[in-house]
Structure formats: structure tokens, C-alpha cells
Amino acid sequence: MDFGRSSRRADGSFVPVALKILVAGGFGVGKTTLVGSVSELPPLQTEEVLTDASIGTDDLAGVETKSKTTVVMDFGRITITEDVVLYLFGTPGQDRFWFLWDELALGALGAIVMADTRRLADCFPSVDYFERRGTPFLVAVNCFNGEQRHTPDKVREALDLDPHVPVVLCDARDRQSGTHVVVTLVEHVKTSTRRPPAKIPPPKIPSIMTWRS
């Protein structure tokens, strides 16, 4: 896949090609952590403290210790070469912020859908969103505390993913692990552009809606 060509400024320096990647998933799954761990610069974060006003609105099941939430986006940068720079945009996870997704997704090269197998159903709206937009994506299973509860094949089966969609295990806190996720997505995008676009089926209600580890 040709991501485009960089141009040169008058002083001879490069103007790199800017590529956009989304990091999506449910509330408290590790999106902000992943962007922060792989960004070469201090990431821009729009986290706010959870207050009593979120009670009954934000589902804290499984993430009871979480005290902050992203309200707009997270933003980070990775320089691949002098010609190519990746910009990461972390989406807010709660339903009440989904109206921002269309703006954030505009022009995106691809997407990383973060998943927590303790609450796997939370990532299905993200999977459905990118399937319907035809945006190449992968599922990154965040292994909290290094614990692997389910294999990638089991996650793929539960999410009813197409065979070509990568499922990778990662630790969102680890830079090397997070970088591997980003590189895997870029390679997936390359192969996706050579594949005829698939017809998107009607909405489905997968078994994960009641799946718990």
C-alpha cells in the first residue's frame, strides 16, 4: 500500500505524510493507557474526574476503581520514518459521547478496538461501527496484570469476527507491546486495500452480550 509521498519545505526538510489511527473500545478498557504508552511525545488527554453525576449513566462494573474518564479524545504521535507520521486518536468509551465518533473517524486509516475479556460485550459497538464504515480494524485484547483469560481464537469466535480481522494480545501499559499492536494494524491496512470490499450484513446480536469469564 502506498500511503502517499512526503513533500519538501523550502529549506529542504521533509513534510511527512500524516496518517490517522483511532483507538476505540469500551469504558475503562485501556485506550488512554495505550495512547500514552506508545506516543513519542507527552500525549494530549481530556480526562475528567468521575463525579456523582455519572451514577446510573456510566457502568463501572468491573472497573470500580476507575476515577477518571475521557470526555473528548486522547491524542498521541508516532514517527515511523522521516516520511510517515502516525497520529493516534483515542475515542471516549461511554455511550453519551458517541456523537463525537463520526468527527474523529473522518479520514482514519484504520482502528484499534481495545477489548477486556472480563467485559467483552463492551467492545461490540466499536466492532460494529468500523465494520459498517468499512474501516480496517483489529482487536487488541488488553491482558490486565498480565493475565490471559482467553485465547485470540476464543475472542474471535465470541465477537463473530471475519477471519481476516487480526486479534492480538497486549499490555496497554508496555510501549513495546503497544507498538506491536500499531504495527500489526498498519500491516493489516496494507492487505485490506488489496481485498475486495465485503458486504456488511444486517446488525447481529452476538453471544458475547451475556458472555462473562
C-alpha atoms as a PDB file:
ATOM      1  CA  MET A   1       0.000   0.000   0.000  1.00  0.00           C
ATOM      2  CA  ASP A   2       1.263   3.455  -0.876  1.00  0.00           C
ATOM      3  CA  PHE A   3       0.491   5.872   1.967  1.00  0.00           C
ATOM      4  CA  GLY A   4       1.474   8.841  -0.200  1.00  0.00           C
ATOM      5  CA  ARG A   5       4.647  10.830  -0.599  1.00  0.00           C
ATOM      6  CA  SER A   6       6.121  13.418   1.676  1.00  0.00           C
ATOM      7  CA  SER A   7       6.979  16.855   0.286  1.00  0.00           C
ATOM      8  CA  ARG A   8       9.884  19.168   0.973  1.00  0.00           C
ATOM      9  CA  ARG A   9       9.897  22.610   2.500  1.00  0.00           C
ATOM     10  CA  ALA A  10      11.894  25.460   1.017  1.00  0.00           C
ATOM     11  CA  ASP A  11      14.757  24.692   3.410  1.00  0.00           C
ATOM     12  CA  GLY A  12      14.954  21.107   2.137  1.00  0.00           C
ATOM     13  CA  SER A  13      13.368  19.469   5.183  1.00  0.00           C
ATOM     14  CA  PHE A  14      10.591  16.912   4.792  1.00  0.00           C
ATOM     15  CA  VAL A  15       6.887  17.482   5.349  1.00  0.00           C
ATOM     16  CA  PRO A  16       5.883  13.951   6.365  1.00  0.00           C
ATOM     17  CA  VAL A  17       2.702  12.165   5.377  1.00  0.00           C
ATOM     18  CA  ALA A  18       0.298  12.243   8.337  1.00  0.00           C
ATOM     19  CA  LEU A  19      -1.766   9.105   8.946  1.00  0.00           C
ATOM     20  CA  LYS A  20      -4.635   8.869  11.406  1.00  0.00           C
ATOM     21  CA  ILE A  21      -5.439   5.854  13.595  1.00  0.00           C
ATOM     22  CA  LEU A  22      -8.335   5.548  16.037  1.00  0.00           C
ATOM     23  CA  VAL A  23      -8.143   3.708  19.358  1.00  0.00           C
ATOM     24  CA  ALA A  24     -11.648   2.666  20.398  1.00  0.00           C
ATOM     25  CA  GLY A  25     -13.383   0.317  22.813  1.00  0.00           C
ATOM     26  CA  GLY A  26     -15.482   0.255  25.940  1.00  0.00           C
ATOM     27  CA  PHE A  27     -15.228   2.339  29.080  1.00  0.00           C
ATOM     28  CA  GLY A  28     -12.074   1.691  31.122  1.00  0.00           C
ATOM     29  CA  VAL A  29     -10.558  -0.801  28.666  1.00  0.00           C
ATOM     30  CA  GLY A  30      -7.150   0.891  28.368  1.00  0.00           C
ATOM     31  CA  LYS A  31      -7.427   3.279  25.412  1.00  0.00           C
ATOM     32  CA  THR A  32      -5.844   6.246  27.202  1.00  0.00           C
ATOM     33  CA  THR A  33      -3.120   3.983  28.593  1.00  0.00           C
ATOM     34  CA  LEU A  34      -2.246   2.593  25.153  1.00  0.00           C
ATOM     35  CA  VAL A  35      -2.021   6.015  23.517  1.00  0.00           C
ATOM     36  CA  GLY A  36       0.136   7.278  26.382  1.00  0.00           C
ATOM     37  CA  SER A  37       2.499   4.301  26.304  1.00  0.00           C
ATOM     38  CA  VAL A  38       3.292   4.439  22.577  1.00  0.00           C
ATOM     39  CA  SER A  39       3.280   8.200  21.961  1.00  0.00           C
ATOM     40  CA  GLU A  40       6.732   9.692  21.454  1.00  0.00           C
ATOM     41  CA  LEU A  41       5.501  12.966  22.930  1.00  0.00           C
ATOM     42  CA  PRO A  42       3.519  13.579  26.123  1.00  0.00           C
ATOM     43  CA  PRO A  43       0.001  12.724  24.954  1.00  0.00           C
ATOM     44  CA  LEU A  44      -2.866  15.171  24.981  1.00  0.00           C
ATOM     45  CA  GLN A  45      -5.521  13.789  27.303  1.00  0.00           C
ATOM     46  CA  THR A  46      -9.008  15.103  28.061  1.00  0.00           C
ATOM     47  CA  GLU A  47      -9.771  13.136  31.202  1.00  0.00           C
ATOM     48  CA  GLU A  48     -12.104  14.436  33.857  1.00  0.00           C
ATOM     49  CA  VAL A  49     -12.808  13.121  37.336  1.00  0.00           C
ATOM     50  CA  LEU A  50     -15.886  10.927  37.637  1.00  0.00           C
ATOM     51  CA  THR A  51     -18.478  12.544  39.892  1.00  0.00           C
ATOM     52  CA  ASP A  52     -21.777  11.532  41.445  1.00  0.00           C
ATOM     53  CA  ALA A  53     -23.465  12.857  38.302  1.00  0.00           C
ATOM     54  CA  SER A  54     -22.217   9.794  36.416  1.00  0.00           C
ATOM     55  CA  ILE A  55     -24.006   7.381  38.740  1.00  0.00           C
ATOM     56  CA  GLY A  56     -26.619   5.488  36.767  1.00  0.00           C
ATOM     57  CA  THR A  57     -25.094   6.717  33.492  1.00  0.00           C
ATOM     58  CA  ASP A  58     -21.600   5.218  33.387  1.00  0.00           C
ATOM     59  CA  ASP A  59     -21.368   1.484  34.018  1.00  0.00           C
ATOM     60  CA  LEU A  60     -18.453   0.883  36.398  1.00  0.00           C
ATOM     61  CA  ALA A  61     -18.973  -2.880  36.628  1.00  0.00           C
ATOM     62  CA  GLY A  62     -15.525  -4.445  36.513  1.00  0.00           C
ATOM     63  CA  VAL A  63     -13.742  -1.077  36.739  1.00  0.00           C
ATOM     64  CA  GLU A  64     -14.964   0.102  40.134  1.00  0.00           C
ATOM     65  CA  THR A  65     -11.601   1.709  40.961  1.00  0.00           C
ATOM     66  CA  LYS A  66     -11.634   3.935  37.862  1.00  0.00           C
ATOM     67  CA  SER A  67     -11.737   7.605  38.911  1.00  0.00           C
ATOM     68  CA  LYS A  68     -11.377   9.462  35.582  1.00  0.00           C
ATOM     69  CA  THR A  69     -12.876   9.272  32.113  1.00  0.00           C
ATOM     70  CA  THR A  70     -12.039  10.634  28.655  1.00  0.00           C
ATOM     71  CA  VAL A  71     -14.607  13.236  27.617  1.00  0.00           C
ATOM     72  CA  VAL A  72     -13.320  14.251  24.151  1.00  0.00           C
ATOM     73  CA  MET A  73     -10.288  12.287  22.957  1.00  0.00           C
ATOM     74  CA  ASP A  74      -6.725  11.229  23.627  1.00  0.00           C
ATOM     75  CA  PHE A  75      -4.041  12.249  21.158  1.00  0.00           C
ATOM     76  CA  GLY A  76      -0.545  10.885  20.558  1.00  0.00           C
ATOM     77  CA  ARG A  77       2.103  10.691  17.828  1.00  0.00           C
ATOM     78  CA  ILE A  78       4.482   8.040  16.478  1.00  0.00           C
ATOM     79  CA  THR A  79       7.121   8.841  13.854  1.00  0.00           C
ATOM     80  CA  ILE A  80       7.610   5.802  11.615  1.00  0.00           C
ATOM     81  CA  THR A  81      10.147   7.344   9.200  1.00  0.00           C
ATOM     82  CA  GLU A  82      11.015  10.879   8.126  1.00  0.00           C
ATOM     83  CA  ASP A  83       8.294  10.375   5.511  1.00  0.00           C
ATOM     84  CA  VAL A  84       5.485   8.946   7.664  1.00  0.00           C
ATOM     85  CA  VAL A  85       3.980  10.014  10.990  1.00  0.00           C
ATOM     86  CA  LEU A  86       1.076   8.264  12.730  1.00  0.00           C
ATOM     87  CA  TYR A  87      -1.379  10.246  14.836  1.00  0.00           C
ATOM     88  CA  LEU A  88      -3.401   8.290  17.382  1.00  0.00           C
ATOM     89  CA  PHE A  89      -6.864   9.455  18.426  1.00  0.00           C
ATOM     90  CA  GLY A  90      -8.390   7.702  21.437  1.00  0.00           C
ATOM     91  CA  THR A  91     -12.195   7.826  21.438  1.00  0.00           C
ATOM     92  CA  PRO A  92     -14.355   8.245  24.551  1.00  0.00           C
ATOM     93  CA  GLY A  93     -15.897   4.953  25.620  1.00  0.00           C
ATOM     94  CA  GLN A  94     -19.265   5.891  27.077  1.00  0.00           C
ATOM     95  CA  ASP A  95     -22.463   5.867  25.033  1.00  0.00           C
ATOM     96  CA  ARG A  96     -23.142   9.522  25.813  1.00  0.00           C
ATOM     97  CA  PHE A  97     -20.013  10.607  23.857  1.00  0.00           C
ATOM     98  CA  TRP A  98     -20.617   8.553  20.713  1.00  0.00           C
ATOM     99  CA  PHE A  99     -21.777  11.652  18.842  1.00  0.00           C
ATOM    100  CA  LEU A 100     -18.059  12.565  18.612  1.00  0.00           C
ATOM    101  CA  TRP A 101     -17.083   9.386  16.793  1.00  0.00           C
ATOM    102  CA  ASP A 102     -18.023  10.455  13.255  1.00  0.00           C
ATOM    103  CA  GLU A 103     -15.785  13.508  13.515  1.00  0.00           C
ATOM    104  CA  LEU A 104     -12.908  11.528  14.998  1.00  0.00           C
ATOM    105  CA  ALA A 105     -13.257   8.756  12.395  1.00  0.00           C
ATOM    106  CA  LEU A 106     -13.115  11.144   9.432  1.00  0.00           C
ATOM    107  CA  GLY A 107     -10.057  10.309   7.341  1.00  0.00           C
ATOM    108  CA  ALA A 108      -8.871   7.486   9.604  1.00  0.00           C
ATOM    109  CA  LEU A 109      -6.501   4.933   8.080  1.00  0.00           C
ATOM    110  CA  GLY A 110      -7.697   2.229  10.450  1.00  0.00           C
ATOM    111  CA  ALA A 111      -8.720   1.492  14.029  1.00  0.00           C
ATOM    112  CA  ILE A 112      -7.618  -0.436  17.089  1.00  0.00           C
ATOM    113  CA  VAL A 113     -10.523  -1.841  19.101  1.00  0.00           C
ATOM    114  CA  MET A 114      -9.400  -2.464  22.686  1.00  0.00           C
ATOM    115  CA  ALA A 115     -11.068  -5.388  24.446  1.00  0.00           C
ATOM    116  CA  ASP A 116     -11.243  -6.600  28.031  1.00  0.00           C
ATOM    117  CA  THR A 117     -12.375 -10.237  28.226  1.00  0.00           C
ATOM    118  CA  ARG A 118     -13.969  -9.550  31.611  1.00  0.00           C
ATOM    119  CA  ARG A 119     -16.396  -7.239  29.783  1.00  0.00           C
ATOM    120  CA  LEU A 120     -16.076  -8.355  26.170  1.00  0.00           C
ATOM    121  CA  ALA A 121     -19.554  -7.167  25.207  1.00  0.00           C
ATOM    122  CA  ASP A 122     -18.412  -3.558  25.721  1.00  0.00           C
ATOM    123  CA  CYS A 123     -16.288  -3.598  22.562  1.00  0.00           C
ATOM    124  CA  PHE A 124     -19.029  -4.852  20.229  1.00  0.00           C
ATOM    125  CA  PRO A 125     -20.398  -1.366  19.420  1.00  0.00           C
ATOM    126  CA  SER A 126     -16.900  -0.373  18.239  1.00  0.00           C
ATOM    127  CA  VAL A 127     -16.576  -3.509  16.103  1.00  0.00           C
ATOM    128  CA  ASP A 128     -19.993  -2.884  14.573  1.00  0.00           C
ATOM    129  CA  TYR A 129     -19.178   0.793  13.924  1.00  0.00           C
ATOM    130  CA  PHE A 130     -15.985   0.096  11.971  1.00  0.00           C
ATOM    131  CA  GLU A 131     -17.499  -2.831  10.079  1.00  0.00           C
ATOM    132  CA  ARG A 132     -20.281  -0.570   8.842  1.00  0.00           C
ATOM    133  CA  ARG A 133     -17.892   2.213   7.846  1.00  0.00           C
ATOM    134  CA  GLY A 134     -15.625  -0.236   6.048  1.00  0.00           C
ATOM    135  CA  THR A 135     -12.691   0.901   8.200  1.00  0.00           C
ATOM    136  CA  PRO A 136      -9.920  -1.714   8.596  1.00  0.00           C
ATOM    137  CA  PHE A 137      -9.515  -2.599  12.263  1.00  0.00           C
ATOM    138  CA  LEU A 138      -8.045  -5.138  14.635  1.00  0.00           C
ATOM    139  CA  VAL A 139      -8.998  -6.229  18.137  1.00  0.00           C
ATOM    140  CA  ALA A 140      -6.338  -5.789  20.826  1.00  0.00           C
ATOM    141  CA  VAL A 141      -7.093  -7.794  23.969  1.00  0.00           C
ATOM    142  CA  ASN A 142      -5.678  -5.910  26.941  1.00  0.00           C
ATOM    143  CA  CYS A 143      -4.301  -8.529  29.343  1.00  0.00           C
ATOM    144  CA  PHE A 144      -4.704  -6.763  32.684  1.00  0.00           C
ATOM    145  CA  ASN A 145      -1.974  -7.704  35.170  1.00  0.00           C
ATOM    146  CA  GLY A 146      -0.508  -9.987  32.508  1.00  0.00           C
ATOM    147  CA  GLU A 147      -3.410 -12.398  32.830  1.00  0.00           C
ATOM    148  CA  GLN A 148      -4.567 -14.125  29.639  1.00  0.00           C
ATOM    149  CA  ARG A 149      -8.115 -15.293  30.292  1.00  0.00           C
ATOM    150  CA  HIS A 150      -8.968 -16.379  26.749  1.00  0.00           C
ATOM    151  CA  THR A 151      -7.084 -17.193  23.555  1.00  0.00           C
ATOM    152  CA  PRO A 152      -7.337 -14.971  20.450  1.00  0.00           C
ATOM    153  CA  ASP A 153      -9.342 -17.704  18.707  1.00  0.00           C
ATOM    154  CA  LYS A 154     -11.898 -17.743  21.532  1.00  0.00           C
ATOM    155  CA  VAL A 155     -12.203 -13.947  21.383  1.00  0.00           C
ATOM    156  CA  ARG A 156     -12.628 -14.070  17.601  1.00  0.00           C
ATOM    157  CA  GLU A 157     -15.377 -16.663  17.942  1.00  0.00           C
ATOM    158  CA  ALA A 158     -17.193 -14.713  20.665  1.00  0.00           C
ATOM    159  CA  LEU A 159     -17.087 -11.488  18.657  1.00  0.00           C
ATOM    160  CA  ASP A 160     -18.043 -13.276  15.416  1.00  0.00           C
ATOM    161  CA  LEU A 161     -15.200 -11.551  13.571  1.00  0.00           C
ATOM    162  CA  ASP A 162     -14.327 -12.147   9.932  1.00  0.00           C
ATOM    163  CA  PRO A 163     -11.301 -14.459   9.570  1.00  0.00           C
ATOM    164  CA  HIS A 164      -9.069 -11.681   8.183  1.00  0.00           C
ATOM    165  CA  VAL A 165      -9.519  -9.372  11.214  1.00  0.00           C
ATOM    166  CA  PRO A 166      -6.432  -9.679  13.463  1.00  0.00           C
ATOM    167  CA  VAL A 167      -6.854 -10.410  17.172  1.00  0.00           C
ATOM    168  CA  VAL A 168      -3.733  -9.697  19.233  1.00  0.00           C
ATOM    169  CA  LEU A 169      -2.913  -9.880  22.936  1.00  0.00           C
ATOM    170  CA  CYS A 170      -1.242  -6.870  24.502  1.00  0.00           C
ATOM    171  CA  ASP A 171      -0.373  -5.000  27.667  1.00  0.00           C
ATOM    172  CA  ALA A 172      -1.516  -1.419  27.111  1.00  0.00           C
ATOM    173  CA  ARG A 173       0.992  -0.194  29.704  1.00  0.00           C
ATOM    174  CA  ASP A 174       4.001  -1.561  27.818  1.00  0.00           C
ATOM    175  CA  ARG A 175       5.451   0.552  24.995  1.00  0.00           C
ATOM    176  CA  GLN A 176       6.825  -2.396  23.028  1.00  0.00           C
ATOM    177  CA  SER A 177       3.552  -4.300  23.293  1.00  0.00           C
ATOM    178  CA  GLY A 178       1.524  -1.263  22.251  1.00  0.00           C
ATOM    179  CA  THR A 179       3.840  -0.529  19.333  1.00  0.00           C
ATOM    180  CA  HIS A 180       3.380  -4.111  18.138  1.00  0.00           C
ATOM    181  CA  VAL A 181      -0.383  -3.512  18.065  1.00  0.00           C
ATOM    182  CA  VAL A 182       0.055  -0.356  15.964  1.00  0.00           C
ATOM    183  CA  VAL A 183       2.450  -2.054  13.519  1.00  0.00           C
ATOM    184  CA  THR A 184       0.065  -5.014  13.174  1.00  0.00           C
ATOM    185  CA  LEU A 185      -2.754  -2.618  12.288  1.00  0.00           C
ATOM    186  CA  VAL A 186      -0.676  -0.848   9.626  1.00  0.00           C
ATOM    187  CA  GLU A 187       0.231  -4.210   8.070  1.00  0.00           C
ATOM    188  CA  HIS A 188      -3.446  -5.208   8.188  1.00  0.00           C
ATOM    189  CA  VAL A 189      -4.435  -1.987   6.412  1.00  0.00           C
ATOM    190  CA  LYS A 190      -1.949  -2.787   3.639  1.00  0.00           C
ATOM    191  CA  THR A 191      -3.514  -6.187   2.993  1.00  0.00           C
ATOM    192  CA  SER A 192      -7.074  -4.863   3.364  1.00  0.00           C
ATOM    193  CA  THR A 193      -6.609  -2.426   0.492  1.00  0.00           C
ATOM    194  CA  ARG A 194      -5.898  -5.385  -1.795  1.00  0.00           C
ATOM    195  CA  ARG A 195      -9.063  -7.208  -0.768  1.00  0.00           C
ATOM    196  CA  PRO A 196     -12.454  -6.537  -2.459  1.00  0.00           C
ATOM    197  CA  PRO A 197     -14.793  -4.712  -0.062  1.00  0.00           C
ATOM    198  CA  ALA A 198     -17.060  -7.073   1.824  1.00  0.00           C
ATOM    199  CA  LYS A 199     -20.821  -6.675   2.010  1.00  0.00           C
ATOM    200  CA  ILE A 200     -21.787  -5.717   5.555  1.00  0.00           C
ATOM    201  CA  PRO A 201     -24.571  -7.945   6.927  1.00  0.00           C
ATOM    202  CA  PRO A 202     -27.520  -6.656   8.954  1.00  0.00           C
ATOM    203  CA  PRO A 203     -26.946  -5.990  12.658  1.00  0.00           C
ATOM    204  CA  LYS A 204     -26.376  -9.133  14.689  1.00  0.00           C
ATOM    205  CA  ILE A 205     -26.688  -9.761  18.396  1.00  0.00           C
ATOM    206  CA  PRO A 206     -23.698 -11.933  19.290  1.00  0.00           C
ATOM    207  CA  SER A 207     -23.406 -14.355  22.168  1.00  0.00           C
ATOM    208  CA  ILE A 208     -20.960 -12.039  23.942  1.00  0.00           C
ATOM    209  CA  MET A 209     -23.803  -9.866  25.198  1.00  0.00           C
ATOM    210  CA  THR A 210     -24.071 -12.322  28.081  1.00  0.00           C
ATOM    211  CA  TRP A 211     -20.539 -13.714  27.966  1.00  0.00           C
ATOM    212  CA  ARG A 212     -18.589 -13.429  31.154  1.00  0.00           C
ATOM    213  CA  SER A 213     -15.304 -15.080  32.091  1.00  0.00           C
END
